[in-house]
Amino acid sequence: MSKVTEQRNIASKGIDERPIREILEIINKEDEKISRAIYAQLSQIESAVRDIVATIKMGGNVYLVGAGSSGRLCVLEASEIPPTFGLPPDRIVAVIAGGVKAIYTSVEGAEDDSLNGVLEMEKLGLKESDLFIGVAASGSTPFVLGAVVKARQLGVTTIGFSCNKGTPLSQLVDTAIEVVVGPEVVAGSTRMKAGSAQKMVLNMMTTTAMIRLGYVYDGLMVGVQATNSKLKERSKRIVAEITGVPLGEAEEALETAEWDVRVAILLTLTDMGPEDAVKELETRTLRQIKAAMGENVDQ
C-alpha cells in the first residue's frame, strides 16, 4: 500500500529557503484541503455518530484507541467530554499506546507492539455493547491493529479512522473513515494536516452525538459541569436564557439542582422536584420534555 501520509509534498520543495511569510502561506494553503477531505467522508462519519449514540443509550462505553499523535488526540477528546457535556468519564475513554507517559513524551516502540494492543483491550473488559474507534493516520499502526482484532473477537462494533485509502485498519473494521488530506508539508509529519483532520472529525463525532443525546439545547451546553466560577456564570446565563427568568432566580434554581443546568431548567419551568427532574432526564431530552409540556419548539 502506498501511504499518502508518507509521500513528499511538492509544495514544500525548497521550503527551508523561503521567507517566514511564504512558509506560513504554504502551510495555510495545505490546511485548506482538510475540510474538503472531511466533507467527502460525511456519510461514514454519520454512521459513526449513530453508533456512538446507540452505544451510550444502551449503556455501553466508547473507546478511542490510538498511538503517538493520534493517541494524544484521543486523550484530548475524551478528557473534554465530561466538563463540556456532563457525561461520566468512564463512558468515552481514551487508550494510548505506552500509557500515561506517552501523553507527554514519545515511548519508544509502543506503537509497534500489536500484542500490547490486544492486552490493553483485555484489561478494559470490553463488552458487546461497547464501541471501538481506532485512530491511526497511516491506518497501519500495529498497536491499533492488534487492539481492533481483539475488539472484533469480543463482538464489539468497530470503527477505523485513518488518512490513507484502503488501509489495513479500514479492512478490519465495520465502518471505515478515510480522510485523505494528502502529503504533509514536512513529509511524514502527520501531526500537521492529518492531526488537524483527526481533531476536527473526533470533535464532530462526539459533539454531534452529545447533541443527539440531549446534552446541548439550541446550541447551549446544558450538560456543562460548573466546576469553576466562569462555568457557574455560564450556567446561570444558560438557565436564564432558556427559561426567561432573572439571573438571581436562575442561580437559586441551580443551587437547588446542585448546579445541574438541565435540572435547574426543569425546576424553573415546572413544579417538579430535583429527584423527579433527574428521573425525567434519564429517558427524555430537555427538548422532548419541553415539547411534551406543549411549548412550540422544533423537534
Protein backbone atom coordinates (compact mmCIF):
# COMPACT_ATOMS: atom_id res chain seq x y z
CA MET A 1 0.00 0.00 0.00
CA SER A 2 1.35 3.43 -0.95
CA LYS A 3 0.84 5.74 2.03
CA VAL A 4 -0.04 9.28 1.01
CA THR A 5 0.82 10.32 4.56
CA GLU A 6 4.48 9.38 3.91
CA GLN A 7 4.90 10.99 0.48
CA ARG A 8 6.80 14.16 -0.33
CA ASN A 9 4.74 17.31 -0.88
CA ILE A 10 5.91 19.22 -3.96
CA ALA A 11 4.64 22.46 -2.41
CA SER A 12 7.37 22.29 0.21
CA LYS A 13 10.33 21.79 -2.09
CA GLY A 14 12.96 24.31 -1.02
CA ILE A 15 10.79 25.43 1.88
CA ASP A 16 13.77 25.88 4.18
CA GLU A 17 14.98 28.68 1.89
CA ARG A 18 11.67 30.58 1.89
CA PRO A 19 10.84 33.65 3.97
CA ILE A 20 8.67 33.05 7.06
CA ARG A 21 5.60 34.59 5.41
CA GLU A 22 5.87 32.22 2.42
CA ILE A 23 6.27 29.20 4.70
CA LEU A 24 3.12 30.20 6.59
CA GLU A 25 1.22 30.68 3.32
CA ILE A 26 2.25 27.22 2.11
CA ILE A 27 1.08 25.59 5.35
CA ASN A 28 -2.14 27.59 5.32
CA LYS A 29 -2.91 26.64 1.72
CA GLU A 30 -2.36 22.97 2.53
CA ASP A 31 -4.66 23.26 5.55
CA GLU A 32 -7.45 24.45 3.25
CA LYS A 33 -7.64 20.89 1.90
CA ILE A 34 -8.71 19.44 5.26
CA SER A 35 -12.38 20.43 5.33
CA ARG A 36 -12.91 19.21 1.74
CA ALA A 37 -11.40 15.83 2.59
CA ILE A 38 -13.65 15.58 5.65
CA TYR A 39 -16.74 16.52 3.63
CA ALA A 40 -16.06 13.58 1.31
CA GLN A 41 -16.37 11.24 4.30
CA LEU A 42 -19.50 12.68 5.93
CA SER A 43 -21.58 9.57 5.24
CA GLN A 44 -19.08 7.38 7.07
CA ILE A 45 -18.80 9.93 9.89
CA GLU A 46 -22.60 9.99 10.18
CA SER A 47 -22.61 6.21 10.56
CA ALA A 48 -20.01 6.50 13.32
CA VAL A 49 -22.11 9.10 15.16
CA ARG A 50 -25.14 6.80 15.03
CA ASP A 51 -23.01 4.05 16.59
CA ILE A 52 -21.82 6.39 19.36
CA VAL A 53 -25.38 7.47 20.17
CA ALA A 54 -26.68 3.91 20.18
CA THR A 55 -23.78 2.74 22.37
CA ILE A 56 -24.30 5.43 25.00
CA LYS A 57 -28.07 4.86 25.02
CA MET A 58 -27.58 1.11 25.56
CA GLY A 59 -25.25 1.73 28.48
CA GLY A 60 -22.09 0.77 26.62
CA ASN A 61 -18.80 2.66 26.58
CA VAL A 62 -16.90 4.21 23.68
CA TYR A 63 -13.15 3.58 23.45
CA LEU A 64 -10.91 5.88 21.39
CA VAL A 65 -7.69 3.98 20.66
CA GLY A 66 -4.52 5.36 19.12
CA ALA A 67 -0.75 5.78 19.32
CA GLY A 68 1.55 8.81 19.15
CA SER A 69 -0.14 12.00 17.96
CA SER A 70 -3.34 10.10 17.17
CA GLY A 71 -3.45 8.68 20.68
CA ARG A 72 -2.87 12.11 22.23
CA LEU A 73 -5.79 13.50 20.23
CA CYS A 74 -7.93 10.64 21.54
CA VAL A 75 -6.92 11.58 25.10
CA LEU A 76 -7.73 15.24 24.47
CA GLU A 77 -11.13 14.39 23.03
CA ALA A 78 -12.15 12.01 25.81
CA SER A 79 -10.97 14.39 28.55
CA GLU A 80 -13.13 17.24 27.26
CA ILE A 81 -16.43 15.33 27.23
CA PRO A 82 -17.23 15.28 30.99
CA PRO A 83 -16.75 19.02 31.71
CA THR A 84 -18.44 20.13 28.48
CA PHE A 85 -21.42 17.79 28.40
CA GLY A 86 -21.65 16.16 31.82
CA LEU A 87 -21.22 12.61 30.58
CA PRO A 88 -19.39 10.47 33.19
CA PRO A 89 -15.68 9.99 32.33
CA ASP A 90 -15.98 6.22 32.01
CA ARG A 91 -18.41 6.46 29.05
CA ILE A 92 -15.95 7.80 26.45
CA VAL A 93 -12.44 6.59 27.25
CA ALA A 94 -9.09 7.10 25.51
CA VAL A 95 -6.47 4.36 25.22
CA ILE A 96 -2.98 5.43 24.10
CA ALA A 97 -0.08 3.12 23.30
CA GLY A 98 2.52 3.48 26.05
CA GLY A 99 0.03 4.69 28.66
CA VAL A 100 0.07 7.99 30.53
CA LYS A 101 3.78 8.61 29.88
CA ALA A 102 3.08 8.64 26.13
CA ILE A 103 0.79 11.65 26.51
CA TYR A 104 3.79 13.82 27.34
CA THR A 105 6.69 12.16 25.55
CA SER A 106 7.50 9.50 22.98
CA VAL A 107 7.52 5.95 24.31
CA GLU A 108 9.86 4.09 22.01
CA GLY A 109 8.31 1.15 20.20
CA ALA A 110 4.92 1.43 21.91
CA GLU A 111 3.00 1.83 18.66
CA ASP A 112 4.80 -1.12 17.05
CA ASP A 113 3.54 -3.62 19.64
CA SER A 114 0.37 -5.28 18.35
CA LEU A 115 0.29 -7.69 21.29
CA ASN A 116 0.14 -4.75 23.68
CA GLY A 117 -2.94 -3.54 21.79
CA VAL A 118 -4.54 -6.92 22.43
CA LEU A 119 -3.59 -6.84 26.12
CA GLU A 120 -4.98 -3.32 26.56
CA MET A 121 -8.34 -4.44 25.19
CA GLU A 122 -8.36 -7.45 27.52
CA LYS A 123 -7.67 -5.20 30.53
CA LEU A 124 -10.64 -3.00 29.62
CA GLY A 125 -13.07 -5.90 29.82
CA LEU A 126 -14.83 -4.96 26.58
CA LYS A 127 -18.48 -5.96 26.17
CA GLU A 128 -20.55 -6.42 23.02
CA SER A 129 -22.45 -3.27 23.94
CA ASP A 130 -19.25 -1.18 23.74
CA LEU A 131 -17.83 0.66 20.72
CA PHE A 132 -14.22 0.67 19.49
CA ILE A 133 -12.86 3.61 17.48
CA GLY A 134 -9.30 3.09 16.26
CA VAL A 135 -7.44 6.22 15.14
CA ALA A 136 -4.25 5.95 13.08
CA ALA A 137 -3.15 8.40 10.40
CA SER A 138 -1.29 5.69 8.49
CA GLY A 139 -4.04 3.13 9.03
CA SER A 140 -1.38 0.51 9.75
CA THR A 141 -0.20 1.14 13.33
CA PRO A 142 0.38 -2.32 14.89
CA PHE A 143 -0.89 -1.31 18.35
CA VAL A 144 -4.22 -0.17 16.89
CA LEU A 145 -4.49 -3.16 14.57
CA GLY A 146 -3.90 -5.58 17.44
CA ALA A 147 -6.50 -3.77 19.51
CA VAL A 148 -9.15 -3.83 16.78
CA VAL A 149 -8.62 -7.54 16.10
CA LYS A 150 -9.23 -8.28 19.78
CA ALA A 151 -12.27 -5.99 19.87
CA ARG A 152 -13.78 -7.84 16.93
CA GLN A 153 -13.14 -11.20 18.59
CA LEU A 154 -15.15 -9.92 21.56
CA GLY A 155 -18.08 -8.97 19.34
CA VAL A 156 -17.58 -5.22 19.68
CA THR A 157 -18.67 -2.84 16.89
CA THR A 158 -15.56 -1.25 15.37
CA ILE A 159 -14.76 1.99 13.56
CA GLY A 160 -11.42 2.83 11.95
CA PHE A 161 -10.25 6.36 11.21
CA SER A 162 -7.21 6.90 9.01
CA CYS A 163 -5.80 9.35 6.47
CA ASN A 164 -4.94 6.89 3.69
CA LYS A 165 -7.05 4.86 1.28
CA GLY A 166 -7.57 1.13 1.61
CA THR A 167 -5.64 0.75 4.83
CA PRO A 168 -5.26 -2.44 6.89
CA LEU A 169 -7.30 -0.72 9.62
CA SER A 170 -10.12 0.02 7.17
CA GLN A 171 -10.21 -3.61 6.10
CA LEU A 172 -10.66 -4.81 9.69
CA VAL A 173 -13.48 -2.56 10.90
CA ASP A 174 -17.25 -2.32 10.45
CA THR A 175 -17.07 1.36 9.43
CA ALA A 176 -14.00 2.91 7.79
CA ILE A 177 -13.42 6.67 7.79
CA GLU A 178 -10.59 7.65 5.41
CA VAL A 179 -9.90 11.39 5.40
CA VAL A 180 -7.15 11.71 2.80
CA VAL A 181 -5.59 15.16 3.20
CA GLY A 182 -2.52 14.42 1.08
CA PRO A 183 1.23 14.61 1.78
CA GLU A 184 2.37 16.80 4.65
CA VAL A 185 4.43 19.97 4.25
CA VAL A 186 7.03 18.17 6.38
CA ALA A 187 6.95 14.69 4.84
CA GLY A 188 5.53 12.10 7.21
CA SER A 189 4.74 14.60 10.00
CA THR A 190 1.13 13.56 10.48
CA ARG A 191 0.79 15.90 13.46
CA MET A 192 0.05 18.50 10.77
CA LYS A 193 -2.83 18.08 8.27
CA ALA A 194 -3.66 14.52 9.34
CA GLY A 195 -3.62 15.56 13.01
CA SER A 196 -5.84 18.56 12.30
CA ALA A 197 -8.26 16.33 10.40
CA GLN A 198 -8.35 13.85 13.27
CA LYS A 199 -9.03 16.60 15.79
CA MET A 200 -11.83 18.01 13.65
CA VAL A 201 -13.52 14.68 12.98
CA LEU A 202 -13.30 13.49 16.58
CA ASN A 203 -14.83 16.83 17.62
CA MET A 204 -17.58 16.45 15.02
CA MET A 205 -18.43 12.91 16.05
CA THR A 206 -18.56 13.41 19.80
CA THR A 207 -20.24 16.81 19.66
CA THR A 208 -22.94 15.62 17.26
CA ALA A 209 -23.52 12.55 19.42
CA MET A 210 -23.85 14.69 22.55
CA ILE A 211 -26.32 16.98 20.74
CA ARG A 212 -28.46 14.00 19.74
CA LEU A 213 -28.31 12.65 23.30
CA GLY A 214 -29.70 15.89 24.71
CA TYR A 215 -26.62 17.47 26.26
CA VAL A 216 -26.99 20.53 24.01
CA TYR A 217 -30.12 22.68 23.62
CA ASP A 218 -30.33 25.43 20.98
CA GLY A 219 -26.54 25.47 20.78
CA LEU A 220 -26.16 25.87 24.55
CA MET A 221 -24.18 23.34 26.60
CA VAL A 222 -26.88 22.37 29.07
CA GLY A 223 -24.75 19.48 30.30
CA VAL A 224 -21.86 21.73 31.36
CA GLN A 225 -20.25 20.96 34.71
CA ALA A 226 -19.99 24.15 36.77
CA THR A 227 -16.62 23.35 38.31
CA ASN A 228 -15.30 26.93 38.47
CA SER A 229 -16.58 30.50 38.67
CA LYS A 230 -16.52 31.01 34.89
CA LEU A 231 -18.65 27.93 34.30
CA LYS A 232 -21.03 28.86 37.12
CA GLU A 233 -21.64 32.21 35.45
CA ARG A 234 -22.16 30.45 32.12
CA SER A 235 -24.62 28.06 33.75
CA LYS A 236 -26.64 30.96 35.16
CA ARG A 237 -26.79 32.64 31.75
CA ILE A 238 -27.91 29.40 30.09
CA VAL A 239 -30.75 28.83 32.59
CA ALA A 240 -31.83 32.46 32.35
CA GLU A 241 -31.80 32.46 28.54
CA ILE A 242 -33.79 29.25 28.16
CA THR A 243 -36.36 29.98 30.88
CA GLY A 244 -36.56 33.78 30.73
CA VAL A 245 -36.02 34.22 34.48
CA PRO A 246 -33.60 36.77 36.02
CA LEU A 247 -30.03 35.65 36.77
CA GLY A 248 -30.72 35.66 40.50
CA GLU A 249 -33.60 33.24 40.13
CA ALA A 250 -31.52 31.11 37.78
CA GLU A 251 -28.79 30.90 40.41
CA GLU A 252 -31.28 29.83 43.07
CA ALA A 253 -32.58 27.06 40.82
CA LEU A 254 -29.04 25.92 40.08
CA GLU A 255 -28.17 25.75 43.77
CA THR A 256 -31.27 23.63 44.41
CA ALA A 257 -30.32 21.46 41.43
CA GLU A 258 -26.73 21.12 42.67
CA TRP A 259 -25.61 23.07 39.59
CA ASP A 260 -27.13 20.65 37.08
CA VAL A 261 -28.27 23.02 34.33
CA ARG A 262 -30.92 20.76 32.83
CA VAL A 263 -32.42 20.00 36.23
CA ALA A 264 -32.41 23.72 37.10
CA ILE A 265 -34.29 24.49 33.90
CA LEU A 266 -36.99 21.96 34.73
CA LEU A 267 -37.28 23.25 38.29
CA THR A 268 -37.85 26.72 36.87
CA LEU A 269 -40.38 25.72 34.22
CA THR A 270 -42.32 23.04 36.10
CA ASP A 271 -43.39 22.06 39.60
CA MET A 272 -41.01 19.09 39.56
CA GLY A 273 -38.64 18.47 42.44
CA PRO A 274 -34.96 17.71 41.79
CA GLU A 275 -35.40 13.94 42.01
CA ASP A 276 -38.33 13.95 39.58
CA ALA A 277 -36.37 16.14 37.15
CA VAL A 278 -33.37 13.81 37.25
CA LYS A 279 -35.63 10.82 36.61
CA GLU A 280 -37.31 12.54 33.64
CA LEU A 281 -33.94 13.33 32.09
CA GLU A 282 -32.90 9.69 32.25
CA THR A 283 -35.31 8.81 29.46
CA ARG A 284 -36.04 12.08 27.64
CA THR A 285 -34.07 15.08 26.45
CA LEU A 286 -34.82 18.60 27.63
CA ARG A 287 -36.26 19.33 24.17
CA GLN A 288 -38.61 16.36 24.40
CA ILE A 289 -39.77 17.28 27.90
CA LYS A 290 -40.46 20.88 26.89
CA ALA A 291 -42.34 19.69 23.80
CA ALA A 292 -44.50 17.45 25.97
CA MET A 293 -45.32 20.50 28.07
CA GLY A 294 -46.98 21.96 24.98
CA GLU A 295 -44.36 24.55 24.08
CA ASN A 296 -43.93 25.47 20.44
CA VAL A 297 -40.45 24.10 19.90
CA ASP A 298 -38.78 22.42 16.95
CA GLN A 299 -38.23 18.67 17.09
